[in-house]
Amino acid sequence: MSVKYLSTTALSKEIQMPTKEVFSLLAENGLIIREENNWILTEKGKKEGGVVRSHPQYGSYIAWKEEIKNNILFQKSDNDQNLLTSTALGKHFGISKFRINPILSELGLIQKDVKGWRVTPLGKLMGGKQFEHVKTGIPYVCWSQEILTKKSVINSLKEVQGDSTSEEKSDSNNTTVEFREKFEAKHRSADGHYVLSRAEMLIDNWLYMSEIVHAYERKLPIEEDVYCDFYLPVGKVYIEFWGLENDERYRERKKEKLRIYEKYGFNLIELDDNDIKNLDDVLPKKLLRFGIQAY
């Protein structure tokens, strides 16, 4: 009995899935790779029944044993059937398709590739899935419907539009509220930020004078209610200054914060009182570890 082979295009028709999505799934699972605008069959692909064939008019192409159409990688879940493109996601939130990806990048959910976008580990947690355009190989990300329920994403997108009505929430012990009531931001930095301490003012001023774009007390793009001291969009780097080591409750907050940073694999720079005295020496070295050049 002869074995029937299907081209990737014919396979897509058999399983009723867009051709570009079939190519993306095959690439994502290591059965094919993209080299110089051509799809190359991998050793793993050969084991899955892939072969290279030649057509007198169209040249070489990859074909698959017909049985591959029953492979689990083509079994789409209900969530996968309703994936959102970045354009659809932007439309849902009323944001231009030209702005949505840069915003998602600022949140740390995707990162810019040479061309296109790559999903980050945090983005995967938020329902992001990686694909590649069939003809160009340019990477792009689609999102499961669950991203529409993520408070961290919803609030961040509202903030960008100047439409944030969400109130800052504390944890079960009200430590966030109590801390902010106890330590009011009274120190004005050179760029207009009001910060909690002289040390934070010096950090803010150093970043500003070094022309490094930064945000102060930016909420981490996660479901937990955690704020960083400083956030640098370039490099996706967070900076924490630990200045109240003799306060027991502060030490507990520090411990919990560090656990969160480690949990999500965020880029973190830690500074203490000794570092503040030598910012010109300390910060450039710490920033360079994340590809940020100060001078």
Protein backbone atom coordinates (compact mmCIF):
# COMPACT_ATOMS: atom_id res chain seq x y z
CA MET A 1 0.00 0.00 0.00
CA SER A 2 1.53 3.32 -1.09
CA VAL A 3 1.95 6.16 1.35
CA LYS A 4 0.13 9.38 0.48
CA TYR A 5 2.03 12.63 0.94
CA LEU A 6 0.60 16.14 1.23
CA SER A 7 2.31 19.44 0.56
CA THR A 8 2.03 21.90 3.44
CA THR A 9 -0.57 23.85 1.48
CA ALA A 10 -2.59 20.69 0.82
CA LEU A 11 -2.21 19.76 4.49
CA SER A 12 -3.67 23.12 5.54
CA LYS A 13 -6.73 22.47 3.36
CA GLU A 14 -7.16 18.99 4.82
CA ILE A 15 -7.17 20.25 8.40
CA GLN A 16 -9.01 23.49 7.50
CA MET A 17 -6.36 25.76 8.98
CA PRO A 18 -4.75 28.85 7.36
CA THR A 19 -1.53 27.92 5.58
CA LYS A 20 0.54 30.53 7.43
CA GLU A 21 -0.67 29.13 10.76
CA VAL A 22 0.33 25.60 9.71
CA PHE A 23 3.82 26.81 8.79
CA SER A 24 4.05 28.66 12.12
CA LEU A 25 3.03 25.58 14.10
CA LEU A 26 5.51 23.39 12.23
CA ALA A 27 8.28 25.92 12.88
CA GLU A 28 7.30 26.49 16.50
CA ASN A 29 7.53 22.74 17.12
CA GLY A 30 10.90 22.41 15.40
CA LEU A 31 9.79 20.43 12.32
CA ILE A 32 10.96 23.13 9.92
CA ILE A 33 13.19 26.21 10.16
CA ARG A 34 13.46 29.40 8.12
CA GLU A 35 16.73 30.04 6.27
CA GLU A 36 17.20 32.80 3.69
CA ASN A 37 13.48 33.04 2.90
CA ASN A 38 13.17 29.27 2.48
CA TRP A 39 11.65 26.62 4.71
CA ILE A 40 14.09 23.81 5.59
CA LEU A 41 13.02 20.39 6.86
CA THR A 42 14.70 19.51 10.18
CA GLU A 43 15.71 16.07 11.47
CA LYS A 44 12.73 16.21 13.79
CA GLY A 45 10.52 16.98 10.80
CA LYS A 46 11.87 13.94 8.96
CA LYS A 47 11.00 11.74 11.95
CA GLU A 48 7.46 13.12 11.79
CA GLY A 49 7.12 11.97 8.18
CA GLY A 50 8.38 15.00 6.28
CA VAL A 51 10.22 14.64 2.99
CA VAL A 52 11.64 17.05 0.42
CA ARG A 53 10.15 16.69 -3.03
CA SER A 54 10.67 18.45 -6.33
CA HIS A 55 8.14 19.87 -8.77
CA PRO A 56 9.15 20.67 -12.38
CA GLN A 57 7.41 24.06 -12.21
CA TYR A 58 7.61 25.11 -8.56
CA GLY A 59 10.90 23.54 -7.51
CA SER A 60 11.59 21.89 -4.14
CA TYR A 61 8.94 21.76 -1.44
CA ILE A 62 8.25 19.91 1.81
CA ALA A 63 5.61 17.18 1.86
CA TRP A 64 4.18 15.23 4.78
CA LYS A 65 2.76 11.77 5.31
CA GLU A 66 -1.03 12.13 5.30
CA GLU A 67 -1.23 10.82 8.88
CA ILE A 68 0.41 14.00 10.18
CA LYS A 69 -2.95 15.74 9.93
CA ASN A 70 -3.94 13.83 13.08
CA ASN A 71 -0.89 15.11 14.97
CA ILE A 72 -1.69 16.73 18.30
CA LEU A 73 0.04 19.97 17.30
CA PHE A 74 -2.86 20.66 14.92
CA GLN A 75 -5.51 19.96 17.55
CA LYS A 76 -6.62 23.46 18.38
CA SER A 77 -8.16 24.26 21.73
CA ASP A 78 -11.15 26.58 21.98
CA ASN A 79 -8.81 29.34 23.16
CA ASP A 80 -6.53 28.93 20.13
CA GLN A 81 -9.49 29.22 17.78
CA ASN A 82 -10.18 32.69 19.10
CA LEU A 83 -6.68 34.15 19.14
CA LEU A 84 -6.45 37.93 18.85
CA THR A 85 -3.96 39.68 16.61
CA SER A 86 -2.36 42.84 17.98
CA THR A 87 -4.61 44.82 15.63
CA ALA A 88 -7.72 43.14 17.07
CA LEU A 89 -6.43 43.70 20.61
CA GLY A 90 -5.85 47.37 19.89
CA LYS A 91 -9.32 47.69 18.37
CA HIS A 92 -10.85 46.17 21.51
CA PHE A 93 -9.17 48.81 23.69
CA GLY A 94 -9.57 51.65 21.19
CA ILE A 95 -5.83 51.94 20.49
CA SER A 96 -4.25 52.44 17.07
CA LYS A 97 -2.69 49.32 15.52
CA PHE A 98 0.54 51.35 15.21
CA ARG A 99 0.68 51.99 18.97
CA ILE A 100 -0.46 48.69 20.46
CA ASN A 101 2.78 46.72 19.95
CA PRO A 102 5.04 49.47 21.36
CA ILE A 103 2.72 49.63 24.40
CA LEU A 104 2.85 45.85 24.85
CA SER A 105 6.64 46.11 24.55
CA GLU A 106 6.79 48.79 27.24
CA LEU A 107 4.84 46.43 29.49
CA GLY A 108 7.41 43.73 28.83
CA LEU A 109 4.98 41.35 27.08
CA ILE A 110 6.79 41.40 23.72
CA GLN A 111 10.15 42.59 22.46
CA LYS A 112 11.29 44.04 19.14
CA ASP A 113 13.07 41.65 16.81
CA VAL A 114 15.18 42.67 13.80
CA LYS A 115 11.82 42.63 12.06
CA GLY A 116 8.55 41.98 13.84
CA TRP A 117 7.95 41.05 17.47
CA ARG A 118 8.81 38.19 19.83
CA VAL A 119 6.76 37.16 22.84
CA THR A 120 8.55 37.32 26.22
CA PRO A 121 8.22 34.83 29.10
CA LEU A 122 5.85 37.29 30.80
CA GLY A 123 3.90 37.63 27.54
CA LYS A 124 3.43 33.85 27.42
CA LEU A 125 2.00 33.98 30.93
CA MET A 126 -0.47 36.57 29.65
CA GLY A 127 -1.60 34.30 26.81
CA GLY A 128 0.79 35.36 24.03
CA LYS A 129 1.66 32.85 21.29
CA GLN A 130 4.46 33.17 18.76
CA PHE A 131 3.91 32.90 14.99
CA GLU A 132 5.80 33.72 11.79
CA HIS A 133 4.52 35.03 8.48
CA VAL A 134 4.77 32.26 5.88
CA LYS A 135 6.34 34.24 3.04
CA THR A 136 8.58 36.64 4.97
CA GLY A 137 9.34 34.70 8.15
CA ILE A 138 8.70 37.89 10.15
CA PRO A 139 7.65 36.97 13.71
CA TYR A 140 4.43 38.21 15.25
CA VAL A 141 2.40 37.49 18.37
CA CYS A 142 -1.26 36.61 18.85
CA TRP A 143 -3.13 36.62 22.14
CA SER A 144 -5.65 34.31 23.75
CA GLN A 145 -8.91 35.80 24.98
CA GLU A 146 -7.67 35.62 28.58
CA ILE A 147 -5.54 38.74 28.07
CA LEU A 148 -8.80 40.73 28.00
CA THR A 149 -9.35 39.76 31.65
CA LYS A 150 -5.87 40.61 32.96
CA LYS A 151 -6.23 43.60 35.29
CA SER A 152 -2.58 44.54 34.91
CA VAL A 153 -2.95 44.83 31.12
CA ILE A 154 -6.34 46.57 31.26
CA ASN A 155 -5.16 49.19 33.76
CA SER A 156 -1.90 49.83 31.88
CA LEU A 157 -3.70 50.35 28.57
CA LYS A 158 -6.14 52.70 30.26
CA GLU A 159 -3.26 54.68 31.76
CA VAL A 160 -1.72 55.14 28.32
CA GLN A 161 -5.02 56.58 27.10
CA GLY A 162 -5.33 58.83 30.15
CA ASP A 163 -8.42 56.92 31.18
CA SER A 164 -7.27 55.18 34.36
CA THR A 165 -9.95 55.19 37.03
CA SER A 166 -8.59 52.28 39.01
CA GLU A 167 -7.61 53.05 42.59
CA GLU A 168 -4.38 51.87 44.07
CA LYS A 169 -5.06 48.75 46.07
CA SER A 170 -3.20 47.47 49.08
CA ASP A 171 -2.47 43.89 50.01
CA SER A 172 -4.32 42.04 52.78
CA ASN A 173 -2.27 43.76 55.47
CA ASN A 174 -2.72 47.24 54.00
CA THR A 175 1.06 47.66 53.99
CA THR A 176 1.07 49.62 50.71
CA VAL A 177 -1.44 52.20 51.92
CA GLU A 178 0.18 52.54 55.34
CA PHE A 179 3.63 52.94 53.82
CA ARG A 180 2.49 55.68 51.48
CA GLU A 181 0.68 57.51 54.25
CA LYS A 182 3.74 57.33 56.50
CA PHE A 183 6.26 58.35 53.84
CA GLU A 184 4.90 61.17 51.68
CA ALA A 185 6.67 62.03 48.42
CA LYS A 186 8.00 65.53 49.12
CA HIS A 187 11.31 65.62 47.25
CA ARG A 188 11.07 67.18 43.79
CA SER A 189 13.60 65.88 41.24
CA ALA A 190 14.96 67.76 38.23
CA ASP A 191 12.42 66.24 35.84
CA GLY A 192 9.45 67.11 38.05
CA HIS A 193 8.95 63.76 39.77
CA TYR A 194 8.07 63.95 43.46
CA VAL A 195 9.89 61.13 45.21
CA LEU A 196 10.01 59.74 48.74
CA SER A 197 13.59 60.43 49.74
CA ARG A 198 16.74 62.37 48.95
CA ALA A 199 18.35 59.13 47.76
CA GLU A 200 15.55 58.52 45.25
CA MET A 201 15.85 62.15 44.13
CA LEU A 202 19.56 61.61 43.41
CA ILE A 203 18.79 58.44 41.44
CA ASP A 204 16.06 60.21 39.47
CA ASN A 205 18.32 63.18 38.75
CA TRP A 206 21.15 60.89 37.65
CA LEU A 207 18.89 59.06 35.20
CA TYR A 208 17.44 62.32 33.89
CA MET A 209 20.85 63.96 33.40
CA SER A 210 22.06 60.78 31.67
CA GLU A 211 19.10 61.11 29.26
CA ILE A 212 17.73 57.73 30.27
CA VAL A 213 13.94 57.59 29.98
CA HIS A 214 12.42 56.32 33.21
CA ALA A 215 9.19 56.06 35.14
CA TYR A 216 8.83 56.50 38.89
CA GLU A 217 6.68 54.13 40.97
CA ARG A 218 5.49 52.21 37.92
CA LYS A 219 3.17 49.32 38.70
CA LEU A 220 4.64 46.01 37.62
CA PRO A 221 2.67 44.51 34.68
CA ILE A 222 1.45 41.58 36.75
CA GLU A 223 -1.69 40.71 38.68
CA GLU A 224 0.02 41.22 42.06
CA ASP A 225 -0.20 44.79 43.38
CA VAL A 226 3.49 45.72 43.33
CA TYR A 227 5.17 49.01 42.42
CA CYS A 228 8.83 49.48 41.51
CA ASP A 229 10.93 52.51 42.46
CA PHE A 230 12.07 53.15 38.87
CA TYR A 231 11.41 51.50 35.53
CA LEU A 232 13.52 51.92 32.37
CA PRO A 233 11.54 51.00 29.21
CA VAL A 234 14.80 50.55 27.29
CA GLY A 235 16.11 47.22 28.51
CA LYS A 236 12.97 46.55 30.56
CA VAL A 237 14.95 47.21 33.75
CA TYR A 238 13.58 47.86 37.23
CA ILE A 239 15.53 49.74 39.90
CA GLU A 240 14.92 49.32 43.62
CA PHE A 241 16.53 51.43 46.32
CA TRP A 242 16.59 49.75 49.71
CA GLY A 243 16.86 52.48 52.32
CA LEU A 244 15.08 51.42 55.52
CA GLU A 245 16.86 48.21 56.46
CA ASN A 246 16.29 48.84 60.20
CA ASP A 247 12.49 48.75 59.77
CA GLU A 248 11.02 45.24 60.22
CA ARG A 249 7.94 45.81 58.07
CA TYR A 250 10.11 47.36 55.37
CA ARG A 251 12.33 44.29 55.38
CA GLU A 252 9.26 42.10 54.92
CA ARG A 253 8.12 44.22 51.97
CA LYS A 254 11.61 43.97 50.48
CA LYS A 255 11.61 40.18 50.84
CA GLU A 256 8.22 39.91 49.14
CA LYS A 257 9.24 42.26 46.34
CA LEU A 258 12.38 40.27 45.61
CA ARG A 259 10.28 37.11 45.47
CA ILE A 260 8.03 38.73 42.85
CA TYR A 261 10.98 39.93 40.74
CA GLU A 262 12.47 36.44 40.80
CA LYS A 263 9.13 34.78 40.05
CA TYR A 264 8.69 36.69 36.79
CA GLY A 265 12.37 36.89 35.85
CA PHE A 266 12.38 40.69 35.68
CA ASN A 267 15.63 42.59 35.12
CA LEU A 268 16.42 44.16 38.49
CA ILE A 269 19.07 46.60 39.71
CA GLU A 270 19.35 46.96 43.50
CA LEU A 271 20.84 50.02 45.14
CA ASP A 272 21.58 50.82 48.79
CA ASP A 273 22.94 53.79 50.75
CA ASN A 274 26.55 53.00 49.85
CA ASP A 275 25.69 52.97 46.14
CA ILE A 276 24.07 56.40 46.39
CA LYS A 277 27.45 57.89 47.34
CA ASN A 278 28.99 56.51 44.14
CA LEU A 279 26.25 56.57 41.50
CA ASP A 280 28.66 57.68 38.77
CA ASP A 281 30.69 54.52 39.30
CA VAL A 282 27.95 52.08 40.29
CA LEU A 283 24.99 52.73 37.98
CA PRO A 284 26.81 52.67 34.61
CA LYS A 285 28.23 49.23 35.41
CA LYS A 286 24.90 47.86 36.60
CA LEU A 287 23.06 49.29 33.57
CA LEU A 288 25.63 47.91 31.13
CA ARG A 289 24.75 44.38 32.26
CA PHE A 290 21.35 44.92 30.62
CA GLY A 291 22.71 46.56 27.48
CA ILE A 292 22.10 50.16 28.59
CA GLN A 293 25.03 52.50 28.02
CA ALA A 294 24.96 55.60 30.19
CA TYR A 295 27.77 57.53 28.54
